[in-house]
Amino acid sequence: MAIRVKLDEVLYDRRMTLSQLAEQVDITLANLSVLKTGKARAMRFSTLDAICEALGCQPGDILRFVPDTD
């Protein structure tokens, strides 16, 4: 997959845990963990909006396009 999730980096910069973000955004820790590990196949814009608002960031701060090297 060419989309990489950089949620760990943003959380580290904000000195916030995944549990704190899950509580702020009202998403289960399990679902947020799936997103963080890059195993999610889709994300709702409302979820992305809530995460960006909680972290004070832009979608591009969390998501990165990395071309496949095939």
PDB file of N, CA and C in Angstrom:
ATOM      1  N   MET A   1       0.837  -1.173   0.000  1.00  0.00           N
ATOM      2  CA  MET A   1       0.000   0.000   0.000  1.00  0.00           C
ATOM      3  C   MET A   1       0.885   1.240   0.000  1.00  0.00           C
ATOM      4  N   ALA A   2       0.507   2.252  -0.727  1.00  0.00           N
ATOM      5  CA  ALA A   2       1.330   3.435  -0.910  1.00  0.00           C
ATOM      6  C   ALA A   2       1.043   4.549   0.100  1.00  0.00           C
ATOM      7  N   ILE A   3       0.008   4.403   0.895  1.00  0.00           N
ATOM      8  CA  ILE A   3      -0.303   5.418   1.902  1.00  0.00           C
ATOM      9  C   ILE A   3       0.263   4.959   3.244  1.00  0.00           C
ATOM     10  N   ARG A   4       1.073   5.788   3.850  1.00  0.00           N
ATOM     11  CA  ARG A   4       1.668   5.483   5.152  1.00  0.00           C
ATOM     12  C   ARG A   4       1.047   6.402   6.210  1.00  0.00           C
ATOM     13  N   VAL A   5       0.794   5.846   7.367  1.00  0.00           N
ATOM     14  CA  VAL A   5       0.204   6.605   8.476  1.00  0.00           C
ATOM     15  C   VAL A   5       1.318   6.998   9.431  1.00  0.00           C
ATOM     16  N   LYS A   6       1.423   8.293   9.707  1.00  0.00           N
ATOM     17  CA  LYS A   6       2.473   8.828  10.565  1.00  0.00           C
ATOM     18  C   LYS A   6       1.906   9.299  11.907  1.00  0.00           C
ATOM     19  N   LEU A   7       0.897   8.615  12.382  1.00  0.00           N
ATOM     20  CA  LEU A   7       0.227   9.020  13.608  1.00  0.00           C
ATOM     21  C   LEU A   7       1.163   8.964  14.813  1.00  0.00           C
ATOM     22  N   ASP A   8       2.028   7.961  14.871  1.00  0.00           N
ATOM     23  CA  ASP A   8       2.986   7.851  15.974  1.00  0.00           C
ATOM     24  C   ASP A   8       3.852   9.101  16.095  1.00  0.00           C
ATOM     25  N   GLU A   9       4.337   9.582  14.966  1.00  0.00           N
ATOM     26  CA  GLU A   9       5.210  10.756  14.970  1.00  0.00           C
ATOM     27  C   GLU A   9       4.477  11.992  15.483  1.00  0.00           C
ATOM     28  N   VAL A  10       3.248  12.172  15.026  1.00  0.00           N
ATOM     29  CA  VAL A  10       2.472  13.347  15.440  1.00  0.00           C
ATOM     30  C   VAL A  10       2.128  13.243  16.926  1.00  0.00           C
ATOM     31  N   LEU A  11       1.750  12.050  17.371  1.00  0.00           N
ATOM     32  CA  LEU A  11       1.458  11.861  18.793  1.00  0.00           C
ATOM     33  C   LEU A  11       2.689  12.152  19.645  1.00  0.00           C
ATOM     34  N   TYR A  12       3.845  11.686  19.207  1.00  0.00           N
ATOM     35  CA  TYR A  12       5.087  11.924  19.936  1.00  0.00           C
ATOM     36  C   TYR A  12       5.386  13.422  20.029  1.00  0.00           C
ATOM     37  N   ASP A  13       5.224  14.115  18.904  1.00  0.00           N
ATOM     38  CA  ASP A  13       5.471  15.562  18.882  1.00  0.00           C
ATOM     39  C   ASP A  13       4.529  16.316  19.825  1.00  0.00           C
ATOM     40  N   ARG A  14       3.293  15.810  19.949  1.00  0.00           N
ATOM     41  CA  ARG A  14       2.289  16.471  20.792  1.00  0.00           C
ATOM     42  C   ARG A  14       2.340  15.961  22.234  1.00  0.00           C
ATOM     43  N   ARG A  15       3.228  15.004  22.493  1.00  0.00           N
ATOM     44  CA  ARG A  15       3.332  14.377  23.818  1.00  0.00           C
ATOM     45  C   ARG A  15       1.977  13.853  24.276  1.00  0.00           C
ATOM     46  N   MET A  16       1.348  13.095  23.390  1.00  0.00           N
ATOM     47  CA  MET A  16       0.021  12.547  23.647  1.00  0.00           C
ATOM     48  C   MET A  16       0.064  11.044  23.412  1.00  0.00           C
ATOM     49  N   THR A  17      -0.669  10.301  24.206  1.00  0.00           N
ATOM     50  CA  THR A  17      -0.732   8.858  24.010  1.00  0.00           C
ATOM     51  C   THR A  17      -1.897   8.508  23.091  1.00  0.00           C
ATOM     52  N   LEU A  18      -1.855   7.299  22.581  1.00  0.00           N
ATOM     53  CA  LEU A  18      -2.942   6.824  21.736  1.00  0.00           C
ATOM     54  C   LEU A  18      -4.236   6.758  22.537  1.00  0.00           C
ATOM     55  N   SER A  19      -4.137   6.385  23.792  1.00  0.00           N
ATOM     56  CA  SER A  19      -5.317   6.317  24.664  1.00  0.00           C
ATOM     57  C   SER A  19      -5.940   7.696  24.864  1.00  0.00           C
ATOM     58  N   GLN A  20      -5.104   8.703  25.048  1.00  0.00           N
ATOM     59  CA  GLN A  20      -5.614  10.068  25.212  1.00  0.00           C
ATOM     60  C   GLN A  20      -6.319  10.536  23.946  1.00  0.00           C
ATOM     61  N   LEU A  21      -5.719  10.233  22.793  1.00  0.00           N
ATOM     62  CA  LEU A  21      -6.343  10.626  21.527  1.00  0.00           C
ATOM     63  C   LEU A  21      -7.671   9.903  21.341  1.00  0.00           C
ATOM     64  N   ALA A  22      -7.709   8.613  21.641  1.00  0.00           N
ATOM     65  CA  ALA A  22      -8.941   7.831  21.498  1.00  0.00           C
ATOM     66  C   ALA A  22     -10.058   8.435  22.351  1.00  0.00           C
ATOM     67  N   GLU A  23      -9.710   8.845  23.558  1.00  0.00           N
ATOM     68  CA  GLU A  23     -10.700   9.446  24.451  1.00  0.00           C
ATOM     69  C   GLU A  23     -11.179  10.788  23.918  1.00  0.00           C
ATOM     70  N   GLN A  24     -10.258  11.617  23.432  1.00  0.00           N
ATOM     71  CA  GLN A  24     -10.615  12.943  22.909  1.00  0.00           C
ATOM     72  C   GLN A  24     -11.483  12.844  21.662  1.00  0.00           C
ATOM     73  N   VAL A  25     -11.163  11.891  20.796  1.00  0.00           N
ATOM     74  CA  VAL A  25     -11.845  11.777  19.508  1.00  0.00           C
ATOM     75  C   VAL A  25     -13.080  10.891  19.609  1.00  0.00           C
ATOM     76  N   ASP A  26     -13.216  10.172  20.724  1.00  0.00           N
ATOM     77  CA  ASP A  26     -14.322   9.236  20.946  1.00  0.00           C
ATOM     78  C   ASP A  26     -14.311   8.106  19.916  1.00  0.00           C
ATOM     79  N   ILE A  27     -13.133   7.506  19.757  1.00  0.00           N
ATOM     80  CA  ILE A  27     -12.936   6.335  18.909  1.00  0.00           C
ATOM     81  C   ILE A  27     -12.341   5.259  19.801  1.00  0.00           C
ATOM     82  N   THR A  28     -12.699   4.012  19.539  1.00  0.00           N
ATOM     83  CA  THR A  28     -12.143   2.951  20.365  1.00  0.00           C
ATOM     84  C   THR A  28     -10.638   2.871  20.162  1.00  0.00           C
ATOM     85  N   LEU A  29      -9.957   2.470  21.211  1.00  0.00           N
ATOM     86  CA  LEU A  29      -8.508   2.323  21.147  1.00  0.00           C
ATOM     87  C   LEU A  29      -8.131   1.277  20.095  1.00  0.00           C
ATOM     88  N   ALA A  30      -8.931   0.240  19.977  1.00  0.00           N
ATOM     89  CA  ALA A  30      -8.656  -0.808  18.989  1.00  0.00           C
ATOM     90  C   ALA A  30      -8.710  -0.262  17.564  1.00  0.00           C
ATOM     91  N   ASN A  31      -9.714   0.530  17.254  1.00  0.00           N
ATOM     92  CA  ASN A  31      -9.832   1.100  15.904  1.00  0.00           C
ATOM     93  C   ASN A  31      -8.710   2.084  15.616  1.00  0.00           C
ATOM     94  N   LEU A  32      -8.344   2.866  16.605  1.00  0.00           N
ATOM     95  CA  LEU A  32      -7.248   3.817  16.432  1.00  0.00           C
ATOM     96  C   LEU A  32      -5.924   3.079  16.263  1.00  0.00           C
ATOM     97  N   SER A  33      -5.768   1.977  16.941  1.00  0.00           N
ATOM     98  CA  SER A  33      -4.564   1.165  16.821  1.00  0.00           C
ATOM     99  C   SER A  33      -4.435   0.567  15.428  1.00  0.00           C
ATOM    100  N   VAL A  34      -5.549   0.118  14.856  1.00  0.00           N
ATOM    101  CA  VAL A  34      -5.551  -0.415  13.488  1.00  0.00           C
ATOM    102  C   VAL A  34      -5.118   0.673  12.513  1.00  0.00           C
ATOM    103  N   LEU A  35      -5.592   1.872  12.722  1.00  0.00           N
ATOM    104  CA  LEU A  35      -5.201   2.997  11.874  1.00  0.00           C
ATOM    105  C   LEU A  35      -3.716   3.302  12.037  1.00  0.00           C
ATOM    106  N   LYS A  36      -3.257   3.347  13.283  1.00  0.00           N
ATOM    107  CA  LYS A  36      -1.867   3.694  13.575  1.00  0.00           C
ATOM    108  C   LYS A  36      -0.876   2.705  12.950  1.00  0.00           C
ATOM    109  N   THR A  37      -1.233   1.441  12.960  1.00  0.00           N
ATOM    110  CA  THR A  37      -0.332   0.421  12.429  1.00  0.00           C
ATOM    111  C   THR A  37      -0.393   0.315  10.909  1.00  0.00           C
ATOM    112  N   GLY A  38      -1.287   1.081  10.281  1.00  0.00           N
ATOM    113  CA  GLY A  38      -1.384   1.057   8.835  1.00  0.00           C
ATOM    114  C   GLY A  38      -2.195  -0.102   8.281  1.00  0.00           C
ATOM    115  N   LYS A  39      -2.921  -0.793   9.143  1.00  0.00           N
ATOM    116  CA  LYS A  39      -3.717  -1.943   8.706  1.00  0.00           C
ATOM    117  C   LYS A  39      -5.120  -1.553   8.268  1.00  0.00           C
ATOM    118  N   ALA A  40      -5.493  -0.314   8.492  1.00  0.00           N
ATOM    119  CA  ALA A  40      -6.822   0.151   8.088  1.00  0.00           C
ATOM    120  C   ALA A  40      -6.881   0.267   6.568  1.00  0.00           C
ATOM    121  N   ARG A  41      -7.975  -0.135   6.000  1.00  0.00           N
ATOM    122  CA  ARG A  41      -8.178  -0.045   4.555  1.00  0.00           C
ATOM    123  C   ARG A  41      -8.954   1.195   4.152  1.00  0.00           C
ATOM    124  N   ALA A  42      -9.594   1.840   5.115  1.00  0.00           N
ATOM    125  CA  ALA A  42     -10.391   3.030   4.825  1.00  0.00           C
ATOM    126  C   ALA A  42     -10.503   3.871   6.100  1.00  0.00           C
ATOM    127  N   MET A  43     -10.806   5.142   5.896  1.00  0.00           N
ATOM    128  CA  MET A  43     -11.025   6.040   7.027  1.00  0.00           C
ATOM    129  C   MET A  43     -12.086   7.051   6.609  1.00  0.00           C
ATOM    130  N   ARG A  44     -13.018   7.284   7.479  1.00  0.00           N
ATOM    131  CA  ARG A  44     -14.046   8.282   7.196  1.00  0.00           C
ATOM    132  C   ARG A  44     -13.452   9.675   7.344  1.00  0.00           C
ATOM    133  N   PHE A  45     -13.948  10.586   6.528  1.00  0.00           N
ATOM    134  CA  PHE A  45     -13.480  11.969   6.637  1.00  0.00           C
ATOM    135  C   PHE A  45     -13.821  12.549   8.001  1.00  0.00           C
ATOM    136  N   SER A  46     -14.933  12.145   8.580  1.00  0.00           N
ATOM    137  CA  SER A  46     -15.299  12.651   9.908  1.00  0.00           C
ATOM    138  C   SER A  46     -14.277  12.200  10.954  1.00  0.00           C
ATOM    139  N   THR A  47     -13.741  10.996  10.805  1.00  0.00           N
ATOM    140  CA  THR A  47     -12.709  10.500  11.718  1.00  0.00           C
ATOM    141  C   THR A  47     -11.418  11.281  11.525  1.00  0.00           C
ATOM    142  N   LEU A  48     -11.029  11.463  10.272  1.00  0.00           N
ATOM    143  CA  LEU A  48      -9.827  12.231   9.971  1.00  0.00           C
ATOM    144  C   LEU A  48      -9.963  13.659  10.488  1.00  0.00           C
ATOM    145  N   ASP A  49     -11.125  14.243  10.313  1.00  0.00           N
ATOM    146  CA  ASP A  49     -11.399  15.592  10.796  1.00  0.00           C
ATOM    147  C   ASP A  49     -11.248  15.668  12.312  1.00  0.00           C
ATOM    148  N   ALA A  50     -11.816  14.699  13.020  1.00  0.00           N
ATOM    149  CA  ALA A  50     -11.747  14.686  14.487  1.00  0.00           C
ATOM    150  C   ALA A  50     -10.314  14.505  14.980  1.00  0.00           C
ATOM    151  N   ILE A  51      -9.553  13.638  14.323  1.00  0.00           N
ATOM    152  CA  ILE A  51      -8.153  13.418  14.703  1.00  0.00           C
ATOM    153  C   ILE A  51      -7.337  14.690  14.474  1.00  0.00           C
ATOM    154  N   CYS A  52      -7.524  15.303  13.318  1.00  0.00           N
ATOM    155  CA  CYS A  52      -6.782  16.532  13.013  1.00  0.00           C
ATOM    156  C   CYS A  52      -7.134  17.661  13.974  1.00  0.00           C
ATOM    157  N   GLU A  53      -8.406  17.752  14.338  1.00  0.00           N
ATOM    158  CA  GLU A  53      -8.816  18.792  15.283  1.00  0.00           C
ATOM    159  C   GLU A  53      -8.190  18.541  16.654  1.00  0.00           C
ATOM    160  N   ALA A  54      -8.197  17.302  17.107  1.00  0.00           N
ATOM    161  CA  ALA A  54      -7.643  16.963  18.421  1.00  0.00           C
ATOM    162  C   ALA A  54      -6.133  17.187  18.467  1.00  0.00           C
ATOM    163  N   LEU A  55      -5.453  16.917  17.351  1.00  0.00           N
ATOM    164  CA  LEU A  55      -3.999  17.048  17.310  1.00  0.00           C
ATOM    165  C   LEU A  55      -3.531  18.413  16.813  1.00  0.00           C
ATOM    166  N   GLY A  56      -4.455  19.224  16.316  1.00  0.00           N
ATOM    167  CA  GLY A  56      -4.088  20.534  15.787  1.00  0.00           C
ATOM    168  C   GLY A  56      -3.170  20.408  14.587  1.00  0.00           C
ATOM    169  N   CYS A  57      -3.534  19.526  13.661  1.00  0.00           N
ATOM    170  CA  CYS A  57      -2.677  19.277  12.504  1.00  0.00           C
ATOM    171  C   CYS A  57      -3.497  19.206  11.224  1.00  0.00           C
ATOM    172  N   GLN A  58      -2.822  19.028  10.119  1.00  0.00           N
ATOM    173  CA  GLN A  58      -3.433  18.867   8.814  1.00  0.00           C
ATOM    174  C   GLN A  58      -3.412  17.376   8.439  1.00  0.00           C
ATOM    175  N   PRO A  59      -4.302  16.928   7.547  1.00  0.00           N
ATOM    176  CA  PRO A  59      -4.286  15.525   7.124  1.00  0.00           C
ATOM    177  C   PRO A  59      -2.924  15.077   6.594  1.00  0.00           C
ATOM    178  N   GLY A  60      -2.215  15.956   5.924  1.00  0.00           N
ATOM    179  CA  GLY A  60      -0.899  15.628   5.395  1.00  0.00           C
ATOM    180  C   GLY A  60       0.148  15.400   6.473  1.00  0.00           C
ATOM    181  N   ASP A  61      -0.137  15.860   7.681  1.00  0.00           N
ATOM    182  CA  ASP A  61       0.775  15.606   8.794  1.00  0.00           C
ATOM    183  C   ASP A  61       0.656  14.157   9.281  1.00  0.00           C
ATOM    184  N   ILE A  62      -0.483  13.543   9.015  1.00  0.00           N
ATOM    185  CA  ILE A  62      -0.761  12.184   9.479  1.00  0.00           C
ATOM    186  C   ILE A  62      -0.573  11.151   8.373  1.00  0.00           C
ATOM    187  N   LEU A  63      -0.921  11.527   7.155  1.00  0.00           N
ATOM    188  CA  LEU A  63      -0.879  10.597   6.023  1.00  0.00           C
ATOM    189  C   LEU A  63       0.202  11.003   5.037  1.00  0.00           C
ATOM    190  N   ARG A  64       0.870  10.006   4.472  1.00  0.00           N
ATOM    191  CA  ARG A  64       1.941  10.275   3.509  1.00  0.00           C
ATOM    192  C   ARG A  64       1.841   9.289   2.354  1.00  0.00           C
ATOM    193  N   PHE A  65       1.999   9.764   1.135  1.00  0.00           N
ATOM    194  CA  PHE A  65       2.013   8.905  -0.030  1.00  0.00           C
ATOM    195  C   PHE A  65       3.442   8.478  -0.313  1.00  0.00           C
ATOM    196  N   VAL A  66       3.648   7.169  -0.374  1.00  0.00           N
ATOM    197  CA  VAL A  66       4.968   6.609  -0.682  1.00  0.00           C
ATOM    198  C   VAL A  66       4.781   5.669  -1.866  1.00  0.00           C
ATOM    199  N   PRO A  67       5.328   6.004  -3.026  1.00  0.00           N
ATOM    200  CA  PRO A  67       5.141   5.138  -4.200  1.00  0.00           C
ATOM    201  C   PRO A  67       5.703   3.729  -3.966  1.00  0.00           C
ATOM    202  N   ASP A  68       4.990   2.725  -4.481  1.00  0.00           N
ATOM    203  CA  ASP A  68       5.474   1.349  -4.418  1.00  0.00           C
ATOM    204  C   ASP A  68       6.744   1.224  -5.254  1.00  0.00           C
ATOM    205  N   THR A  69       7.647   0.388  -4.826  1.00  0.00           N
ATOM    206  CA  THR A  69       8.915   0.220  -5.545  1.00  0.00           C
ATOM    207  C   THR A  69       8.947  -1.057  -6.365  1.00  0.00           C
ATOM    208  N   ASP A  70       7.801  -1.511  -6.804  1.00  0.00           N
ATOM    209  CA  ASP A  70       7.723  -2.752  -7.609  1.00  0.00           C
ATOM    210  C   ASP A  70       8.302  -2.566  -8.971  1.00  0.00           C
TER     211      ASP A  70
END
